Amino acid sequence: MSELLERLRVPVLFAALLLLSLATMTADRRAMRSAGRELPTFSGALLEVAAPVQRVVTAPVDLVRDFWRGYVALVDVQAENERLRGRVAALQEENLQYREALLESGRLREVAALRDEFQVDMVTAQVVGGEVSPLLRSVLLDRGRVQGLLSGMPVVTGQGLAGLVTGTAPHAARAMLLLDRQSAVDGMIQRSRAPGIVHGQGTRELRFEFAVRGDDVQVGDEVITSGLGGVYPKGLRIGEVVEVSKPDARLLQEARVRPSVDFQRLEQVYVMRWRSPTMELLYSDEDESAPRASRSGARPGS
């Protein structure tokens, strides 16, 4: 008998709840037809009992429904995030292209200004490599004799003098930078016109040697090429004096010069398709395949 009751307990409970729900719905329908606002006592008692039971029964269903809705919403949000990330990446790439275009237009303006100032043709070249040794400061350019480059031609940027072409191939060239220990440039102080020689030291700074007697060199003075020596045209910026050594008994005095060109960020340069008669004689055995016009010994602006 007890086993029978144990087996029938769940079906009986389910049937009782079903009857209770039917009775409640029937009482509600009667109350609605009679336009009554308050339920009868029996119906009210049934409702009080059925409400918590119904919450317990429907709780798992509600939980599964809410979880599914949240999961679907989360999937939608993830898909939207992926789409937005792709859009952001595309906009960043587009912005990068715009910035590069602006930089390129600025470089073209620099070339035009240099051409107008020195009245000489220029070839734009990219720096594609450099010497590893700290004492040998030179770079490899992606332009060569086919583009009219020859050894002895000055290399400049929009900030000033960068170096000198020292070797060429059909489609490449090597340029010695001002920082190289073998580099020596005839310069002068722009303000006082005091002449001197600018030497590379293999470091980030240059050394300006000048005669002590009667020469006025001060911190902050701009050093430019003097045009002497037959290598560089006159008026190219070299750097700024940052320190002047104390006078002593020596004939020549020294000053530290910070280069105008930022050699740490050297990406693009302009090669002046001009070289002096001195360079023409020095490199007379250069390959004659380069355009003759680029080998003119006329000074810029003459």
C-alpha atoms as a PDB file:
ATOM      1  CA  MET A   1       0.000   0.000   0.000  1.00  0.00           C
ATOM      2  CA  SER A   2       2.810   2.427   0.882  1.00  0.00           C
ATOM      3  CA  GLU A   3       4.584   1.664  -2.399  1.00  0.00           C
ATOM      4  CA  LEU A   4       1.400   2.442  -4.303  1.00  0.00           C
ATOM      5  CA  LEU A   5       1.023   5.760  -2.528  1.00  0.00           C
ATOM      6  CA  GLU A   6       4.676   6.538  -3.213  1.00  0.00           C
ATOM      7  CA  ARG A   7       4.176   5.953  -6.923  1.00  0.00           C
ATOM      8  CA  LEU A   8       0.938   7.934  -7.071  1.00  0.00           C
ATOM      9  CA  ARG A   9       2.217  10.900  -5.102  1.00  0.00           C
ATOM     10  CA  VAL A  10       3.632  12.820  -8.061  1.00  0.00           C
ATOM     11  CA  PRO A  11       0.692  12.192 -10.439  1.00  0.00           C
ATOM     12  CA  VAL A  12      -1.775  13.063  -7.705  1.00  0.00           C
ATOM     13  CA  LEU A  13       0.129  16.260  -6.897  1.00  0.00           C
ATOM     14  CA  PHE A  14       0.229  17.192 -10.574  1.00  0.00           C
ATOM     15  CA  ALA A  15      -3.490  16.478 -10.959  1.00  0.00           C
ATOM     16  CA  ALA A  16      -4.264  18.550  -7.853  1.00  0.00           C
ATOM     17  CA  LEU A  17      -2.282  21.504  -9.199  1.00  0.00           C
ATOM     18  CA  LEU A  18      -4.001  21.170 -12.551  1.00  0.00           C
ATOM     19  CA  LEU A  19      -7.460  21.129 -10.899  1.00  0.00           C
ATOM     20  CA  LEU A  20      -6.433  24.073  -8.753  1.00  0.00           C
ATOM     21  CA  SER A  21      -5.402  26.060 -11.815  1.00  0.00           C
ATOM     22  CA  LEU A  22      -8.639  25.171 -13.641  1.00  0.00           C
ATOM     23  CA  ALA A  23     -10.684  26.184 -10.655  1.00  0.00           C
ATOM     24  CA  THR A  24      -8.836  29.486 -10.387  1.00  0.00           C
ATOM     25  CA  MET A  25      -9.279  30.258 -14.086  1.00  0.00           C
ATOM     26  CA  THR A  26     -13.000  29.402 -13.856  1.00  0.00           C
ATOM     27  CA  ALA A  27     -13.451  31.693 -10.853  1.00  0.00           C
ATOM     28  CA  ASP A  28     -11.573  34.469 -12.673  1.00  0.00           C
ATOM     29  CA  ARG A  29     -13.808  34.125 -15.705  1.00  0.00           C
ATOM     30  CA  ARG A  30     -16.917  34.366 -13.556  1.00  0.00           C
ATOM     31  CA  ALA A  31     -15.557  37.396 -11.744  1.00  0.00           C
ATOM     32  CA  MET A  32     -14.837  39.089 -15.078  1.00  0.00           C
ATOM     33  CA  ARG A  33     -18.333  38.349 -16.360  1.00  0.00           C
ATOM     34  CA  SER A  34     -19.836  39.739 -13.222  1.00  0.00           C
ATOM     35  CA  ALA A  35     -17.552  42.783 -13.472  1.00  0.00           C
ATOM     36  CA  GLY A  36     -16.428  42.171  -9.927  1.00  0.00           C
ATOM     37  CA  ARG A  37     -13.114  43.668  -8.911  1.00  0.00           C
ATOM     38  CA  GLU A  38     -12.494  41.410  -5.917  1.00  0.00           C
ATOM     39  CA  LEU A  39     -12.360  37.634  -6.139  1.00  0.00           C
ATOM     40  CA  PRO A  40     -14.557  35.421  -3.960  1.00  0.00           C
ATOM     41  CA  THR A  41     -12.993  34.035  -0.843  1.00  0.00           C
ATOM     42  CA  PHE A  42     -12.477  30.587  -2.297  1.00  0.00           C
ATOM     43  CA  SER A  43     -10.974  31.913  -5.527  1.00  0.00           C
ATOM     44  CA  GLY A  44      -8.773  34.295  -3.634  1.00  0.00           C
ATOM     45  CA  ALA A  45      -7.465  31.464  -1.456  1.00  0.00           C
ATOM     46  CA  LEU A  46      -6.813  29.355  -4.523  1.00  0.00           C
ATOM     47  CA  LEU A  47      -4.939  32.268  -6.144  1.00  0.00           C
ATOM     48  CA  GLU A  48      -2.809  32.762  -3.044  1.00  0.00           C
ATOM     49  CA  VAL A  49      -1.823  29.106  -3.114  1.00  0.00           C
ATOM     50  CA  ALA A  50      -1.372  28.870  -6.884  1.00  0.00           C
ATOM     51  CA  ALA A  51       0.807  31.978  -7.337  1.00  0.00           C
ATOM     52  CA  PRO A  52       3.935  30.733  -5.486  1.00  0.00           C
ATOM     53  CA  VAL A  53       3.484  27.248  -6.935  1.00  0.00           C
ATOM     54  CA  GLN A  54       3.284  28.695 -10.431  1.00  0.00           C
ATOM     55  CA  ARG A  55       6.420  30.785  -9.799  1.00  0.00           C
ATOM     56  CA  VAL A  56       8.303  27.636  -8.773  1.00  0.00           C
ATOM     57  CA  VAL A  57       7.052  25.732 -11.815  1.00  0.00           C
ATOM     58  CA  THR A  58       7.805  28.513 -14.311  1.00  0.00           C
ATOM     59  CA  ALA A  59      11.140  29.554 -12.763  1.00  0.00           C
ATOM     60  CA  PRO A  60      13.244  27.035 -14.768  1.00  0.00           C
ATOM     61  CA  VAL A  61      11.447  28.020 -17.950  1.00  0.00           C
ATOM     62  CA  ASP A  62      12.063  31.720 -17.278  1.00  0.00           C
ATOM     63  CA  LEU A  63      15.705  31.006 -16.447  1.00  0.00           C
ATOM     64  CA  VAL A  64      16.260  29.132 -19.700  1.00  0.00           C
ATOM     65  CA  ARG A  65      14.447  31.839 -21.662  1.00  0.00           C
ATOM     66  CA  ASP A  66      16.458  34.658 -20.090  1.00  0.00           C
ATOM     67  CA  PHE A  67      19.706  32.770 -20.610  1.00  0.00           C
ATOM     68  CA  TRP A  68      18.903  32.172 -24.261  1.00  0.00           C
ATOM     69  CA  ARG A  69      17.964  35.789 -24.845  1.00  0.00           C
ATOM     70  CA  GLY A  70      21.151  36.930 -23.131  1.00  0.00           C
ATOM     71  CA  TYR A  71      23.239  34.504 -25.169  1.00  0.00           C
ATOM     72  CA  VAL A  72      21.677  35.635 -28.436  1.00  0.00           C
ATOM     73  CA  ALA A  73      22.168  39.258 -27.420  1.00  0.00           C
ATOM     74  CA  LEU A  74      25.794  38.526 -26.492  1.00  0.00           C
ATOM     75  CA  VAL A  75      26.394  36.898 -29.876  1.00  0.00           C
ATOM     76  CA  ASP A  76      24.904  39.944 -31.590  1.00  0.00           C
ATOM     77  CA  VAL A  77      27.096  42.273 -29.518  1.00  0.00           C
ATOM     78  CA  GLN A  78      30.181  40.214 -30.334  1.00  0.00           C
ATOM     79  CA  ALA A  79      29.376  40.325 -34.031  1.00  0.00           C
ATOM     80  CA  GLU A  80      28.845  44.079 -33.811  1.00  0.00           C
ATOM     81  CA  ASN A  81      32.164  44.494 -31.985  1.00  0.00           C
ATOM     82  CA  GLU A  82      33.934  42.527 -34.698  1.00  0.00           C
ATOM     83  CA  ARG A  83      32.355  44.725 -37.352  1.00  0.00           C
ATOM     84  CA  LEU A  84      33.316  47.898 -35.493  1.00  0.00           C
ATOM     85  CA  ARG A  85      36.878  46.670 -34.970  1.00  0.00           C
ATOM     86  CA  GLY A  86      37.183  46.043 -38.694  1.00  0.00           C
ATOM     87  CA  ARG A  87      35.840  49.522 -39.409  1.00  0.00           C
ATOM     88  CA  VAL A  88      38.275  51.107 -36.963  1.00  0.00           C
ATOM     89  CA  ALA A  89      41.192  49.250 -38.568  1.00  0.00           C
ATOM     90  CA  ALA A  90      40.100  50.439 -42.016  1.00  0.00           C
ATOM     91  CA  LEU A  91      39.810  54.039 -40.799  1.00  0.00           C
ATOM     92  CA  GLN A  92      43.231  53.863 -39.155  1.00  0.00           C
ATOM     93  CA  GLU A  93      44.765  52.604 -42.387  1.00  0.00           C
ATOM     94  CA  GLU A  94      43.005  55.347 -44.335  1.00  0.00           C
ATOM     95  CA  ASN A  95      44.207  57.949 -41.846  1.00  0.00           C
ATOM     96  CA  LEU A  96      47.767  56.619 -42.193  1.00  0.00           C
ATOM     97  CA  GLN A  97      47.574  56.974 -45.971  1.00  0.00           C
ATOM     98  CA  TYR A  98      46.337  60.550 -45.603  1.00  0.00           C
ATOM     99  CA  ARG A  99      49.212  61.401 -43.246  1.00  0.00           C
ATOM    100  CA  GLU A 100      51.738  59.898 -45.659  1.00  0.00           C
ATOM    101  CA  ALA A 101      50.197  61.919 -48.495  1.00  0.00           C
ATOM    102  CA  LEU A 102      50.505  65.102 -46.437  1.00  0.00           C
ATOM    103  CA  LEU A 103      54.128  64.306 -45.620  1.00  0.00           C
ATOM    104  CA  GLU A 104      54.847  63.601 -49.266  1.00  0.00           C
ATOM    105  CA  SER A 105      53.270  66.901 -50.321  1.00  0.00           C
ATOM    106  CA  GLY A 106      55.442  68.646 -47.728  1.00  0.00           C
ATOM    107  CA  ARG A 107      58.551  66.971 -49.145  1.00  0.00           C
ATOM    108  CA  LEU A 108      57.579  68.071 -52.655  1.00  0.00           C
ATOM    109  CA  ARG A 109      57.287  71.643 -51.410  1.00  0.00           C
ATOM    110  CA  GLU A 110      60.772  71.305 -49.881  1.00  0.00           C
ATOM    111  CA  VAL A 111      62.179  70.161 -53.215  1.00  0.00           C
ATOM    112  CA  ALA A 112      60.509  73.058 -55.012  1.00  0.00           C
ATOM    113  CA  ALA A 113      61.867  75.554 -52.463  1.00  0.00           C
ATOM    114  CA  LEU A 114      65.399  74.151 -52.714  1.00  0.00           C
ATOM    115  CA  ARG A 115      65.265  74.206 -56.498  1.00  0.00           C
ATOM    116  CA  ASP A 116      64.132  77.823 -56.480  1.00  0.00           C
ATOM    117  CA  GLU A 117      66.797  78.813 -53.953  1.00  0.00           C
ATOM    118  CA  PHE A 118      69.783  77.127 -55.585  1.00  0.00           C
ATOM    119  CA  GLN A 119      68.499  76.912 -59.182  1.00  0.00           C
ATOM    120  CA  VAL A 120      69.667  73.338 -59.594  1.00  0.00           C
ATOM    121  CA  ASP A 121      67.903  70.116 -60.478  1.00  0.00           C
ATOM    122  CA  MET A 122      67.396  67.631 -57.638  1.00  0.00           C
ATOM    123  CA  VAL A 123      66.665  63.918 -57.431  1.00  0.00           C
ATOM    124  CA  THR A 124      64.591  62.546 -54.584  1.00  0.00           C
ATOM    125  CA  ALA A 125      66.062  59.395 -53.026  1.00  0.00           C
ATOM    126  CA  GLN A 126      65.032  57.085 -50.214  1.00  0.00           C
ATOM    127  CA  VAL A 127      67.490  55.911 -47.568  1.00  0.00           C
ATOM    128  CA  VAL A 128      67.427  52.109 -47.773  1.00  0.00           C
ATOM    129  CA  GLY A 129      70.418  51.195 -45.610  1.00  0.00           C
ATOM    130  CA  GLY A 130      73.360  52.455 -43.593  1.00  0.00           C
ATOM    131  CA  GLU A 131      76.765  51.535 -42.201  1.00  0.00           C
ATOM    132  CA  VAL A 132      76.770  49.537 -38.969  1.00  0.00           C
ATOM    133  CA  SER A 133      80.053  50.994 -37.653  1.00  0.00           C
ATOM    134  CA  PRO A 134      79.619  54.132 -35.515  1.00  0.00           C
ATOM    135  CA  LEU A 135      82.786  55.607 -37.037  1.00  0.00           C
ATOM    136  CA  LEU A 136      81.674  55.209 -40.664  1.00  0.00           C
ATOM    137  CA  ARG A 137      78.555  57.271 -41.094  1.00  0.00           C
ATOM    138  CA  SER A 138      77.166  56.636 -44.570  1.00  0.00           C
ATOM    139  CA  VAL A 139      73.827  55.603 -46.066  1.00  0.00           C
ATOM    140  CA  LEU A 140      72.671  53.692 -49.112  1.00  0.00           C
ATOM    141  CA  LEU A 141      70.267  55.435 -51.519  1.00  0.00           C
ATOM    142  CA  ASP A 142      67.833  53.873 -53.987  1.00  0.00           C
ATOM    143  CA  ARG A 143      68.899  56.115 -56.892  1.00  0.00           C
ATOM    144  CA  GLY A 144      72.028  55.807 -59.010  1.00  0.00           C
ATOM    145  CA  ARG A 145      73.697  56.723 -62.306  1.00  0.00           C
ATOM    146  CA  VAL A 146      70.564  55.958 -64.318  1.00  0.00           C
ATOM    147  CA  GLN A 147      68.851  58.812 -62.474  1.00  0.00           C
ATOM    148  CA  GLY A 148      71.870  61.098 -63.027  1.00  0.00           C
ATOM    149  CA  LEU A 149      73.620  60.685 -59.665  1.00  0.00           C
ATOM    150  CA  LEU A 150      77.419  60.967 -59.607  1.00  0.00           C
ATOM    151  CA  SER A 151      80.045  60.907 -56.910  1.00  0.00           C
ATOM    152  CA  GLY A 152      80.740  64.375 -55.523  1.00  0.00           C
ATOM    153  CA  MET A 153      77.136  65.571 -55.621  1.00  0.00           C
ATOM    154  CA  PRO A 154      75.794  67.165 -52.409  1.00  0.00           C
ATOM    155  CA  VAL A 155      73.027  65.415 -50.454  1.00  0.00           C
ATOM    156  CA  VAL A 156      70.559  67.674 -48.657  1.00  0.00           C
ATOM    157  CA  THR A 157      67.218  67.627 -46.847  1.00  0.00           C
ATOM    158  CA  GLY A 158      64.687  70.328 -46.100  1.00  0.00           C
ATOM    159  CA  GLN A 159      66.642  71.079 -42.895  1.00  0.00           C
ATOM    160  CA  GLY A 160      70.081  71.480 -44.479  1.00  0.00           C
ATOM    161  CA  LEU A 161      73.198  69.680 -45.660  1.00  0.00           C
ATOM    162  CA  ALA A 162      73.300  65.932 -45.052  1.00  0.00           C
ATOM    163  CA  GLY A 163      76.420  64.724 -46.860  1.00  0.00           C
ATOM    164  CA  LEU A 164      78.053  63.872 -50.161  1.00  0.00           C
ATOM    165  CA  VAL A 165      77.648  61.097 -52.729  1.00  0.00           C
ATOM    166  CA  THR A 166      80.846  59.016 -52.659  1.00  0.00           C
ATOM    167  CA  GLY A 167      79.958  56.049 -54.878  1.00  0.00           C
ATOM    168  CA  THR A 168      77.352  55.123 -57.459  1.00  0.00           C
ATOM    169  CA  ALA A 169      75.902  52.110 -59.250  1.00  0.00           C
ATOM    170  CA  PRO A 170      73.290  52.056 -62.002  1.00  0.00           C
ATOM    171  CA  HIS A 171      70.392  52.074 -59.527  1.00  0.00           C
ATOM    172  CA  ALA A 172      71.998  52.831 -56.140  1.00  0.00           C
ATOM    173  CA  ALA A 173      74.428  55.218 -54.502  1.00  0.00           C
ATOM    174  CA  ARG A 174      76.388  55.584 -51.279  1.00  0.00           C
ATOM    175  CA  ALA A 175      76.447  58.915 -49.455  1.00  0.00           C
ATOM    176  CA  MET A 176      78.883  59.906 -46.704  1.00  0.00           C
ATOM    177  CA  LEU A 177      77.105  61.847 -43.966  1.00  0.00           C
ATOM    178  CA  LEU A 178      78.455  64.966 -42.258  1.00  0.00           C
ATOM    179  CA  LEU A 179      78.861  62.907 -39.082  1.00  0.00           C
ATOM    180  CA  ASP A 180      81.554  60.709 -40.655  1.00  0.00           C
ATOM    181  CA  ARG A 181      85.088  61.250 -39.326  1.00  0.00           C
ATOM    182  CA  GLN A 182      86.343  61.791 -42.875  1.00  0.00           C
ATOM    183  CA  SER A 183      83.826  64.554 -43.521  1.00  0.00           C
ATOM    184  CA  ALA A 184      85.147  68.133 -43.653  1.00  0.00           C
ATOM    185  CA  VAL A 185      83.092  71.086 -44.874  1.00  0.00           C
ATOM    186  CA  ASP A 186      84.138  74.691 -45.418  1.00  0.00           C
ATOM    187  CA  GLY A 187      81.665  76.661 -43.318  1.00  0.00           C
ATOM    188  CA  MET A 188      81.111  80.042 -41.776  1.00  0.00           C
ATOM    189  CA  ILE A 189      79.057  81.724 -39.095  1.00  0.00           C
ATOM    190  CA  GLN A 190      76.040  83.257 -40.813  1.00  0.00           C
ATOM    191  CA  ARG A 191      75.866  86.201 -38.411  1.00  0.00           C
ATOM    192  CA  SER A 192      79.523  87.277 -38.248  1.00  0.00           C
ATOM    193  CA  ARG A 193      80.765  85.586 -41.456  1.00  0.00           C
ATOM    194  CA  ALA A 194      83.615  84.016 -39.464  1.00  0.00           C
ATOM    195  CA  PRO A 195      85.062  81.162 -41.597  1.00  0.00           C
ATOM    196  CA  GLY A 196      86.074  77.741 -40.391  1.00  0.00           C
ATOM    197  CA  ILE A 197      86.026  74.009 -41.069  1.00  0.00           C
ATOM    198  CA  VAL A 198      83.237  71.703 -39.885  1.00  0.00           C
ATOM    199  CA  HIS A 199      84.479  68.205 -39.048  1.00  0.00           C
ATOM    200  CA  GLY A 200      82.506  65.036 -38.449  1.00  0.00           C
ATOM    201  CA  GLN A 201      83.356  63.081 -35.304  1.00  0.00           C
ATOM    202  CA  GLY A 202      81.440  59.861 -35.734  1.00  0.00           C
ATOM    203  CA  THR A 203      78.942  61.059 -33.109  1.00  0.00           C
ATOM    204  CA  ARG A 204      75.720  63.066 -33.233  1.00  0.00           C
ATOM    205  CA  GLU A 205      77.602  66.388 -33.071  1.00  0.00           C
ATOM    206  CA  LEU A 206      80.015  68.265 -35.330  1.00  0.00           C
ATOM    207  CA  ARG A 207      83.178  70.233 -34.551  1.00  0.00           C
ATOM    208  CA  PHE A 208      83.709  73.723 -35.971  1.00  0.00           C
ATOM    209  CA  GLU A 209      87.329  74.901 -36.074  1.00  0.00           C
ATOM    210  CA  PHE A 210      87.935  78.611 -36.557  1.00  0.00           C
ATOM    211  CA  ALA A 211      90.729  81.146 -36.094  1.00  0.00           C
ATOM    212  CA  VAL A 212      90.581  82.802 -32.701  1.00  0.00           C
ATOM    213  CA  ARG A 213      91.887  86.247 -33.602  1.00  0.00           C
ATOM    214  CA  GLY A 214      89.129  88.588 -34.669  1.00  0.00           C
ATOM    215  CA  ASP A 215      86.454  85.920 -35.165  1.00  0.00           C
ATOM    216  CA  ASP A 216      83.108  86.274 -33.417  1.00  0.00           C
ATOM    217  CA  VAL A 217      81.513  82.898 -32.644  1.00  0.00           C
ATOM    218  CA  GLN A 218      78.745  82.611 -30.060  1.00  0.00           C
ATOM    219  CA  VAL A 219      76.348  79.970 -28.805  1.00  0.00           C
ATOM    220  CA  GLY A 220      73.235  79.958 -30.954  1.00  0.00           C
ATOM    221  CA  ASP A 221      75.006  81.057 -34.153  1.00  0.00           C
ATOM    222  CA  GLU A 222      73.977  79.330 -37.361  1.00  0.00           C
ATOM    223  CA  VAL A 223      76.723  77.621 -39.344  1.00  0.00           C
ATOM    224  CA  ILE A 224      76.326  77.486 -43.137  1.00  0.00           C
ATOM    225  CA  THR A 225      78.465  76.368 -46.049  1.00  0.00           C
ATOM    226  CA  SER A 226      80.843  79.069 -47.251  1.00  0.00           C
ATOM    227  CA  GLY A 227      81.133  77.826 -50.832  1.00  0.00           C
ATOM    228  CA  LEU A 228      84.925  77.568 -50.528  1.00  0.00           C
ATOM    229  CA  GLY A 229      86.757  74.335 -51.156  1.00  0.00           C
ATOM    230  CA  GLY A 230      84.849  73.547 -54.342  1.00  0.00           C
ATOM    231  CA  VAL A 231      82.609  70.835 -52.861  1.00  0.00           C
ATOM    232  CA  TYR A 232      79.345  72.367 -51.629  1.00  0.00           C
ATOM    233  CA  PRO A 233      77.416  75.412 -52.836  1.00  0.00           C
ATOM    234  CA  LYS A 234      77.229  78.430 -50.558  1.00  0.00           C
ATOM    235  CA  GLY A 235      74.391  78.931 -48.110  1.00  0.00           C
ATOM    236  CA  LEU A 236      73.434  75.394 -47.091  1.00  0.00           C
ATOM    237  CA  ARG A 237      72.580  75.085 -43.400  1.00  0.00           C
ATOM    238  CA  ILE A 238      74.965  72.894 -41.413  1.00  0.00           C
ATOM    239  CA  GLY A 239      73.965  73.352 -37.788  1.00  0.00           C
ATOM    240  CA  GLU A 240      73.845  75.521 -34.671  1.00  0.00           C
ATOM    241  CA  VAL A 241      76.666  76.322 -32.272  1.00  0.00           C
ATOM    242  CA  VAL A 242      75.864  74.853 -28.856  1.00  0.00           C
ATOM    243  CA  GLU A 243      79.189  75.392 -27.074  1.00  0.00           C
ATOM    244  CA  VAL A 244      82.349  77.423 -27.675  1.00  0.00           C
ATOM    245  CA  SER A 245      85.596  76.289 -26.048  1.00  0.00           C
ATOM    246  CA  LYS A 246      87.510  78.734 -23.859  1.00  0.00           C
ATOM    247  CA  PRO A 247      90.226  80.713 -25.676  1.00  0.00           C
ATOM    248  CA  ASP A 248      93.785  79.477 -25.168  1.00  0.00           C
ATOM    249  CA  ALA A 249      97.170  79.856 -26.803  1.00  0.00           C
ATOM    250  CA  ARG A 250      96.231  77.788 -29.840  1.00  0.00           C
ATOM    251  CA  LEU A 251      95.701  79.435 -33.190  1.00  0.00           C
ATOM    252  CA  LEU A 252      92.508  77.481 -33.888  1.00  0.00           C
ATOM    253  CA  GLN A 253      89.552  77.388 -31.536  1.00  0.00           C
ATOM    254  CA  GLU A 254      86.740  74.847 -31.474  1.00  0.00           C
ATOM    255  CA  ALA A 255      82.981  74.974 -31.119  1.00  0.00           C
ATOM    256  CA  ARG A 256      80.455  72.173 -30.798  1.00  0.00           C
ATOM    257  CA  VAL A 257      77.758  72.224 -33.460  1.00  0.00           C
ATOM    258  CA  ARG A 258      74.395  70.463 -33.426  1.00  0.00           C
ATOM    259  CA  PRO A 259      73.497  69.429 -37.009  1.00  0.00           C
ATOM    260  CA  SER A 260      70.427  70.928 -38.611  1.00  0.00           C
ATOM    261  CA  VAL A 261      69.520  67.520 -40.050  1.00  0.00           C
ATOM    262  CA  ASP A 262      68.098  64.889 -37.730  1.00  0.00           C
ATOM    263  CA  PHE A 263      70.234  61.955 -38.852  1.00  0.00           C
ATOM    264  CA  GLN A 264      68.389  59.575 -36.516  1.00  0.00           C
ATOM    265  CA  ARG A 265      65.244  60.013 -38.615  1.00  0.00           C
ATOM    266  CA  LEU A 266      66.780  60.252 -42.063  1.00  0.00           C
ATOM    267  CA  GLU A 267      64.322  58.648 -44.499  1.00  0.00           C
ATOM    268  CA  GLN A 268      64.339  60.767 -47.640  1.00  0.00           C
ATOM    269  CA  VAL A 269      67.022  63.021 -49.098  1.00  0.00           C
ATOM    270  CA  TYR A 270      67.545  65.174 -52.180  1.00  0.00           C
ATOM    271  CA  VAL A 271      70.660  64.834 -54.296  1.00  0.00           C
ATOM    272  CA  MET A 272      71.683  68.066 -56.030  1.00  0.00           C
ATOM    273  CA  ARG A 273      72.548  67.159 -59.622  1.00  0.00           C
ATOM    274  CA  TRP A 274      75.519  69.478 -59.580  1.00  0.00           C
ATOM    275  CA  ARG A 275      79.163  69.175 -58.705  1.00  0.00           C
ATOM    276  CA  SER A 276      81.995  71.661 -58.781  1.00  0.00           C
ATOM    277  CA  PRO A 277      84.993  71.612 -61.141  1.00  0.00           C
ATOM    278  CA  THR A 278      87.062  70.272 -58.256  1.00  0.00           C
ATOM    279  CA  MET A 279      84.753  67.269 -57.938  1.00  0.00           C
ATOM    280  CA  GLU A 280      84.752  66.853 -61.728  1.00  0.00           C
ATOM    281  CA  LEU A 281      88.545  66.492 -61.662  1.00  0.00           C
ATOM    282  CA  LEU A 282      88.494  64.248 -58.600  1.00  0.00           C
ATOM    283  CA  TYR A 283      85.968  61.873 -60.130  1.00  0.00           C
ATOM    284  CA  SER A 284      87.037  62.225 -63.764  1.00  0.00           C
ATOM    285  CA  ASP A 285      87.071  58.448 -64.165  1.00  0.00           C
ATOM    286  CA  GLU A 286      83.384  58.190 -63.159  1.00  0.00           C
ATOM    287  CA  ASP A 287      81.102  56.204 -65.461  1.00  0.00           C
ATOM    288  CA  GLU A 288      80.136  58.471 -68.395  1.00  0.00           C
ATOM    289  CA  SER A 289      76.683  56.894 -68.726  1.00  0.00           C
ATOM    290  CA  ALA A 290      75.061  59.568 -66.572  1.00  0.00           C
ATOM    291  CA  PRO A 291      73.310  62.501 -68.331  1.00  0.00           C
ATOM    292  CA  ARG A 292      75.795  65.169 -69.322  1.00  0.00           C
ATOM    293  CA  ALA A 293      73.600  67.976 -67.985  1.00  0.00           C
ATOM    294  CA  SER A 294      73.912  66.624 -64.454  1.00  0.00           C
ATOM    295  CA  ARG A 295      77.717  66.889 -64.600  1.00  0.00           C
ATOM    296  CA  SER A 296      77.872  70.599 -65.277  1.00  0.00           C
ATOM    297  CA  GLY A 297      80.468  72.435 -63.250  1.00  0.00           C
ATOM    298  CA  ALA A 298      78.440  75.642 -63.165  1.00  0.00           C
ATOM    299  CA  ARG A 299      77.663  76.869 -59.679  1.00  0.00           C
ATOM    300  CA  PRO A 300      74.000  76.920 -58.586  1.00  0.00           C
ATOM    301  CA  GLY A 301      72.424  80.222 -59.354  1.00  0.00           C
ATOM    302  CA  SER A 302      75.117  81.265 -61.821  1.00  0.00           C
END
